[in-house]
Amino acid sequence: MSDDLFPARLRKLREARRINARALGELCGLSKNMIGRYEKGEMPSVKSLIALADFFDVSIDYLLGRDK
């Protein structure tokens, strides 16, 4: 797994929904700055991964680059 896949996939999914990072954070119950930090490479907690995967209706494996 490449460390840059998660930030790139998260950004791509967010931009496809045409929402900003702050709005995504609020919709997923995360603090306002977390999405920006994740898109810069910080890895989220399992709880945050689940929230993001559920919001985008994708698997955690997809977010982490383990699935195409």
PDB file of N, CA and C in Angstrom:
ATOM      1  N   MET A   1       0.842  -1.184   0.000  1.00  0.00           N
ATOM      2  CA  MET A   1       0.000   0.000   0.000  1.00  0.00           C
ATOM      3  C   MET A   1       0.887   1.247   0.000  1.00  0.00           C
ATOM      4  N   SER A   2       0.588   2.147  -0.864  1.00  0.00           N
ATOM      5  CA  SER A   2       1.332   3.390  -0.945  1.00  0.00           C
ATOM      6  C   SER A   2       0.754   4.408   0.032  1.00  0.00           C
ATOM      7  N   ASP A   3       1.633   5.123   0.721  1.00  0.00           N
ATOM      8  CA  ASP A   3       1.186   6.104   1.707  1.00  0.00           C
ATOM      9  C   ASP A   3       0.408   7.257   1.079  1.00  0.00           C
ATOM     10  N   ASP A   4       0.595   7.507  -0.198  1.00  0.00           N
ATOM     11  CA  ASP A   4      -0.084   8.637  -0.827  1.00  0.00           C
ATOM     12  C   ASP A   4      -1.433   8.270  -1.438  1.00  0.00           C
ATOM     13  N   LEU A   5      -1.824   7.010  -1.425  1.00  0.00           N
ATOM     14  CA  LEU A   5      -3.111   6.620  -1.994  1.00  0.00           C
ATOM     15  C   LEU A   5      -4.289   7.120  -1.165  1.00  0.00           C
ATOM     16  N   PHE A   6      -4.228   6.986   0.138  1.00  0.00           N
ATOM     17  CA  PHE A   6      -5.348   7.436   0.960  1.00  0.00           C
ATOM     18  C   PHE A   6      -5.625   8.920   0.776  1.00  0.00           C
ATOM     19  N   PRO A   7      -4.638   9.801   0.917  1.00  0.00           N
ATOM     20  CA  PRO A   7      -4.934  11.229   0.737  1.00  0.00           C
ATOM     21  C   PRO A   7      -5.480  11.540  -0.663  1.00  0.00           C
ATOM     22  N   ALA A   8      -4.936  10.900  -1.680  1.00  0.00           N
ATOM     23  CA  ALA A   8      -5.387  11.160  -3.048  1.00  0.00           C
ATOM     24  C   ALA A   8      -6.817  10.668  -3.266  1.00  0.00           C
ATOM     25  N   ARG A   9      -7.123   9.497  -2.753  1.00  0.00           N
ATOM     26  CA  ARG A   9      -8.480   8.967  -2.929  1.00  0.00           C
ATOM     27  C   ARG A   9      -9.495   9.786  -2.139  1.00  0.00           C
ATOM     28  N   LEU A  10      -9.126  10.190  -0.950  1.00  0.00           N
ATOM     29  CA  LEU A  10     -10.033  11.010  -0.153  1.00  0.00           C
ATOM     30  C   LEU A  10     -10.331  12.321  -0.868  1.00  0.00           C
ATOM     31  N   ARG A  11      -9.315  12.975  -1.363  1.00  0.00           N
ATOM     32  CA  ARG A  11      -9.504  14.243  -2.072  1.00  0.00           C
ATOM     33  C   ARG A  11     -10.361  14.031  -3.319  1.00  0.00           C
ATOM     34  N   LYS A  12     -10.080  12.976  -4.078  1.00  0.00           N
ATOM     35  CA  LYS A  12     -10.838  12.700  -5.299  1.00  0.00           C
ATOM     36  C   LYS A  12     -12.315  12.480  -4.990  1.00  0.00           C
ATOM     37  N   LEU A  13     -12.605  11.691  -3.958  1.00  0.00           N
ATOM     38  CA  LEU A  13     -13.992  11.448  -3.573  1.00  0.00           C
ATOM     39  C   LEU A  13     -14.673  12.733  -3.114  1.00  0.00           C
ATOM     40  N   ARG A  14     -13.967  13.524  -2.329  1.00  0.00           N
ATOM     41  CA  ARG A  14     -14.535  14.783  -1.824  1.00  0.00           C
ATOM     42  C   ARG A  14     -14.823  15.751  -2.964  1.00  0.00           C
ATOM     43  N   GLU A  15     -13.874  15.879  -3.873  1.00  0.00           N
ATOM     44  CA  GLU A  15     -14.061  16.799  -4.992  1.00  0.00           C
ATOM     45  C   GLU A  15     -15.164  16.324  -5.937  1.00  0.00           C
ATOM     46  N   ALA A  16     -15.321  15.014  -6.079  1.00  0.00           N
ATOM     47  CA  ALA A  16     -16.398  14.482  -6.912  1.00  0.00           C
ATOM     48  C   ALA A  16     -17.768  14.847  -6.343  1.00  0.00           C
ATOM     49  N   ARG A  17     -17.845  14.958  -5.022  1.00  0.00           N
ATOM     50  CA  ARG A  17     -19.099  15.361  -4.369  1.00  0.00           C
ATOM     51  C   ARG A  17     -19.251  16.881  -4.311  1.00  0.00           C
ATOM     52  N   ARG A  18     -18.206  17.572  -4.716  1.00  0.00           N
ATOM     53  CA  ARG A  18     -18.192  19.039  -4.748  1.00  0.00           C
ATOM     54  C   ARG A  18     -18.482  19.659  -3.377  1.00  0.00           C
ATOM     55  N   ILE A  19     -17.777  19.131  -2.386  1.00  0.00           N
ATOM     56  CA  ILE A  19     -17.868  19.718  -1.052  1.00  0.00           C
ATOM     57  C   ILE A  19     -16.465  20.056  -0.566  1.00  0.00           C
ATOM     58  N   ASN A  20     -16.384  21.058   0.291  1.00  0.00           N
ATOM     59  CA  ASN A  20     -15.067  21.426   0.799  1.00  0.00           C
ATOM     60  C   ASN A  20     -14.709  20.546   2.001  1.00  0.00           C
ATOM     61  N   ALA A  21     -13.469  20.627   2.397  1.00  0.00           N
ATOM     62  CA  ALA A  21     -12.959  19.766   3.467  1.00  0.00           C
ATOM     63  C   ALA A  21     -13.688  20.027   4.790  1.00  0.00           C
ATOM     64  N   ARG A  22     -13.970  21.267   5.059  1.00  0.00           N
ATOM     65  CA  ARG A  22     -14.655  21.604   6.311  1.00  0.00           C
ATOM     66  C   ARG A  22     -16.048  20.977   6.359  1.00  0.00           C
ATOM     67  N   ALA A  23     -16.784  21.085   5.247  1.00  0.00           N
ATOM     68  CA  ALA A  23     -18.131  20.509   5.185  1.00  0.00           C
ATOM     69  C   ALA A  23     -18.081  18.994   5.339  1.00  0.00           C
ATOM     70  N   LEU A  24     -17.116  18.357   4.690  1.00  0.00           N
ATOM     71  CA  LEU A  24     -16.990  16.909   4.815  1.00  0.00           C
ATOM     72  C   LEU A  24     -16.722  16.516   6.261  1.00  0.00           C
ATOM     73  N   GLY A  25     -15.849  17.238   6.905  1.00  0.00           N
ATOM     74  CA  GLY A  25     -15.567  16.962   8.310  1.00  0.00           C
ATOM     75  C   GLY A  25     -16.820  17.051   9.160  1.00  0.00           C
ATOM     76  N   GLU A  26     -17.602  18.093   8.941  1.00  0.00           N
ATOM     77  CA  GLU A  26     -18.835  18.262   9.707  1.00  0.00           C
ATOM     78  C   GLU A  26     -19.824  17.135   9.419  1.00  0.00           C
ATOM     79  N   LEU A  27     -19.951  16.751   8.159  1.00  0.00           N
ATOM     80  CA  LEU A  27     -20.884  15.686   7.781  1.00  0.00           C
ATOM     81  C   LEU A  27     -20.481  14.327   8.354  1.00  0.00           C
ATOM     82  N   CYS A  28     -19.197  14.153   8.595  1.00  0.00           N
ATOM     83  CA  CYS A  28     -18.700  12.875   9.126  1.00  0.00           C
ATOM     84  C   CYS A  28     -18.447  12.921  10.623  1.00  0.00           C
ATOM     85  N   GLY A  29     -18.769  14.036  11.256  1.00  0.00           N
ATOM     86  CA  GLY A  29     -18.576  14.148  12.699  1.00  0.00           C
ATOM     87  C   GLY A  29     -17.129  14.325  13.118  1.00  0.00           C
ATOM     88  N   LEU A  30     -16.335  14.922  12.241  1.00  0.00           N
ATOM     89  CA  LEU A  30     -14.918  15.147  12.532  1.00  0.00           C
ATOM     90  C   LEU A  30     -14.678  16.631  12.769  1.00  0.00           C
ATOM     91  N   SER A  31     -13.582  16.958  13.400  1.00  0.00           N
ATOM     92  CA  SER A  31     -13.275  18.367  13.617  1.00  0.00           C
ATOM     93  C   SER A  31     -13.008  19.045  12.277  1.00  0.00           C
ATOM     94  N   LYS A  32     -13.146  20.348  12.258  1.00  0.00           N
ATOM     95  CA  LYS A  32     -13.108  21.084  10.995  1.00  0.00           C
ATOM     96  C   LYS A  32     -11.793  20.967  10.236  1.00  0.00           C
ATOM     97  N   ASN A  33     -10.702  20.678  10.916  1.00  0.00           N
ATOM     98  CA  ASN A  33      -9.406  20.628  10.250  1.00  0.00           C
ATOM     99  C   ASN A  33      -8.941  19.223   9.876  1.00  0.00           C
ATOM    100  N   MET A  34      -9.648  18.206  10.317  1.00  0.00           N
ATOM    101  CA  MET A  34      -9.156  16.836  10.135  1.00  0.00           C
ATOM    102  C   MET A  34      -9.072  16.418   8.669  1.00  0.00           C
ATOM    103  N   ILE A  35     -10.041  16.763   7.869  1.00  0.00           N
ATOM    104  CA  ILE A  35     -10.012  16.339   6.469  1.00  0.00           C
ATOM    105  C   ILE A  35      -8.776  16.911   5.778  1.00  0.00           C
ATOM    106  N   GLY A  36      -8.482  18.160   6.014  1.00  0.00           N
ATOM    107  CA  GLY A  36      -7.280  18.762   5.438  1.00  0.00           C
ATOM    108  C   GLY A  36      -6.022  18.041   5.881  1.00  0.00           C
ATOM    109  N   ARG A  37      -5.981  17.655   7.134  1.00  0.00           N
ATOM    110  CA  ARG A  37      -4.813  16.918   7.643  1.00  0.00           C
ATOM    111  C   ARG A  37      -4.720  15.549   6.993  1.00  0.00           C
ATOM    112  N   TYR A  38      -5.870  14.883   6.828  1.00  0.00           N
ATOM    113  CA  TYR A  38      -5.864  13.574   6.173  1.00  0.00           C
ATOM    114  C   TYR A  38      -5.411  13.693   4.718  1.00  0.00           C
ATOM    115  N   GLU A  39      -5.838  14.750   4.047  1.00  0.00           N
ATOM    116  CA  GLU A  39      -5.449  14.937   2.647  1.00  0.00           C
ATOM    117  C   GLU A  39      -3.970  15.313   2.502  1.00  0.00           C
ATOM    118  N   LYS A  40      -3.354  15.686   3.582  1.00  0.00           N
ATOM    119  CA  LYS A  40      -1.915  15.973   3.570  1.00  0.00           C
ATOM    120  C   LYS A  40      -1.089  14.777   4.014  1.00  0.00           C
ATOM    121  N   GLY A  41      -1.769  13.660   4.367  1.00  0.00           N
ATOM    122  CA  GLY A  41      -1.035  12.449   4.668  1.00  0.00           C
ATOM    123  C   GLY A  41      -1.179  11.877   6.056  1.00  0.00           C
ATOM    124  N   GLU A  42      -1.844  12.589   6.959  1.00  0.00           N
ATOM    125  CA  GLU A  42      -2.048  12.036   8.296  1.00  0.00           C
ATOM    126  C   GLU A  42      -3.071  10.901   8.198  1.00  0.00           C
ATOM    127  N   MET A  43      -2.777   9.808   8.880  1.00  0.00           N
ATOM    128  CA  MET A  43      -3.691   8.662   8.831  1.00  0.00           C
ATOM    129  C   MET A  43      -4.774   8.807   9.905  1.00  0.00           C
ATOM    130  N   PRO A  44      -6.024   8.557   9.527  1.00  0.00           N
ATOM    131  CA  PRO A  44      -7.125   8.682  10.477  1.00  0.00           C
ATOM    132  C   PRO A  44      -7.251   7.472  11.391  1.00  0.00           C
ATOM    133  N   SER A  45      -8.026   7.647  12.421  1.00  0.00           N
ATOM    134  CA  SER A  45      -8.353   6.532  13.312  1.00  0.00           C
ATOM    135  C   SER A  45      -9.312   5.589  12.582  1.00  0.00           C
ATOM    136  N   VAL A  46      -9.496   4.418  13.130  1.00  0.00           N
ATOM    137  CA  VAL A  46     -10.432   3.457  12.547  1.00  0.00           C
ATOM    138  C   VAL A  46     -11.838   4.059  12.532  1.00  0.00           C
ATOM    139  N   LYS A  47     -12.217   4.729  13.603  1.00  0.00           N
ATOM    140  CA  LYS A  47     -13.544   5.352  13.683  1.00  0.00           C
ATOM    141  C   LYS A  47     -13.736   6.374  12.552  1.00  0.00           C
ATOM    142  N   SER A  48     -12.719   7.172  12.281  1.00  0.00           N
ATOM    143  CA  SER A  48     -12.805   8.157  11.210  1.00  0.00           C
ATOM    144  C   SER A  48     -12.841   7.482   9.838  1.00  0.00           C
ATOM    145  N   LEU A  49     -12.055   6.433   9.671  1.00  0.00           N
ATOM    146  CA  LEU A  49     -12.086   5.685   8.402  1.00  0.00           C
ATOM    147  C   LEU A  49     -13.477   5.132   8.132  1.00  0.00           C
ATOM    148  N   ILE A  50     -14.106   4.586   9.155  1.00  0.00           N
ATOM    149  CA  ILE A  50     -15.455   4.050   8.996  1.00  0.00           C
ATOM    150  C   ILE A  50     -16.427   5.156   8.600  1.00  0.00           C
ATOM    151  N   ALA A  51     -16.334   6.295   9.259  1.00  0.00           N
ATOM    152  CA  ALA A  51     -17.226   7.416   8.946  1.00  0.00           C
ATOM    153  C   ALA A  51     -17.041   7.874   7.500  1.00  0.00           C
ATOM    154  N   LEU A  52     -15.802   7.982   7.049  1.00  0.00           N
ATOM    155  CA  LEU A  52     -15.535   8.410   5.675  1.00  0.00           C
ATOM    156  C   LEU A  52     -16.009   7.372   4.668  1.00  0.00           C
ATOM    157  N   ALA A  53     -15.723   6.107   4.924  1.00  0.00           N
ATOM    158  CA  ALA A  53     -16.150   5.040   4.023  1.00  0.00           C
ATOM    159  C   ALA A  53     -17.670   4.994   3.936  1.00  0.00           C
ATOM    160  N   ASP A  54     -18.342   5.133   5.059  1.00  0.00           N
ATOM    161  CA  ASP A  54     -19.803   5.138   5.050  1.00  0.00           C
ATOM    162  C   ASP A  54     -20.350   6.331   4.272  1.00  0.00           C
ATOM    163  N   PHE A  55     -19.771   7.499   4.482  1.00  0.00           N
ATOM    164  CA  PHE A  55     -20.253   8.696   3.787  1.00  0.00           C
ATOM    165  C   PHE A  55     -20.127   8.540   2.276  1.00  0.00           C
ATOM    166  N   PHE A  56     -18.978   8.037   1.825  1.00  0.00           N
ATOM    167  CA  PHE A  56     -18.742   7.914   0.388  1.00  0.00           C
ATOM    168  C   PHE A  56     -19.246   6.595  -0.197  1.00  0.00           C
ATOM    169  N   ASP A  57     -19.752   5.718   0.652  1.00  0.00           N
ATOM    170  CA  ASP A  57     -20.250   4.408   0.229  1.00  0.00           C
ATOM    171  C   ASP A  57     -19.168   3.612  -0.505  1.00  0.00           C
ATOM    172  N   VAL A  58     -17.987   3.585   0.101  1.00  0.00           N
ATOM    173  CA  VAL A  58     -16.860   2.791  -0.405  1.00  0.00           C
ATOM    174  C   VAL A  58     -16.316   1.960   0.753  1.00  0.00           C
ATOM    175  N   SER A  59     -15.469   1.016   0.437  1.00  0.00           N
ATOM    176  CA  SER A  59     -14.867   0.204   1.487  1.00  0.00           C
ATOM    177  C   SER A  59     -13.651   0.912   2.086  1.00  0.00           C
ATOM    178  N   ILE A  60     -13.322   0.517   3.286  1.00  0.00           N
ATOM    179  CA  ILE A  60     -12.098   1.026   3.900  1.00  0.00           C
ATOM    180  C   ILE A  60     -10.892   0.574   3.085  1.00  0.00           C
ATOM    181  N   ASP A  61     -10.955  -0.650   2.554  1.00  0.00           N
ATOM    182  CA  ASP A  61      -9.871  -1.134   1.695  1.00  0.00           C
ATOM    183  C   ASP A  61      -9.660  -0.210   0.503  1.00  0.00           C
ATOM    184  N   TYR A  62     -10.743   0.279  -0.084  1.00  0.00           N
ATOM    185  CA  TYR A  62     -10.602   1.212  -1.208  1.00  0.00           C
ATOM    186  C   TYR A  62      -9.910   2.488  -0.747  1.00  0.00           C
ATOM    187  N   LEU A  63     -10.367   3.047   0.370  1.00  0.00           N
ATOM    188  CA  LEU A  63      -9.762   4.291   0.863  1.00  0.00           C
ATOM    189  C   LEU A  63      -8.271   4.131   1.112  1.00  0.00           C
ATOM    190  N   LEU A  64      -7.873   2.972   1.611  1.00  0.00           N
ATOM    191  CA  LEU A  64      -6.478   2.747   1.962  1.00  0.00           C
ATOM    192  C   LEU A  64      -5.635   2.247   0.793  1.00  0.00           C
ATOM    193  N   GLY A  65      -6.253   2.037  -0.357  1.00  0.00           N
ATOM    194  CA  GLY A  65      -5.494   1.606  -1.529  1.00  0.00           C
ATOM    195  C   GLY A  65      -5.294   0.117  -1.637  1.00  0.00           C
ATOM    196  N   ARG A  66      -6.068  -0.659  -0.887  1.00  0.00           N
ATOM    197  CA  ARG A  66      -5.949  -2.111  -0.940  1.00  0.00           C
ATOM    198  C   ARG A  66      -6.912  -2.729  -1.947  1.00  0.00           C
ATOM    199  N   ASP A  67      -7.770  -1.925  -2.530  1.00  0.00           N
ATOM    200  CA  ASP A  67      -8.774  -2.380  -3.469  1.00  0.00           C
ATOM    201  C   ASP A  67      -8.949  -1.326  -4.557  1.00  0.00           C
ATOM    202  N   LYS A  68      -9.188  -1.783  -5.766  1.00  0.00           N
ATOM    203  CA  LYS A  68      -9.384  -0.834  -6.877  1.00  0.00           C
ATOM    204  C   LYS A  68     -10.826  -0.471  -6.969  1.00  0.00           C
TER     205      LYS A  68
END
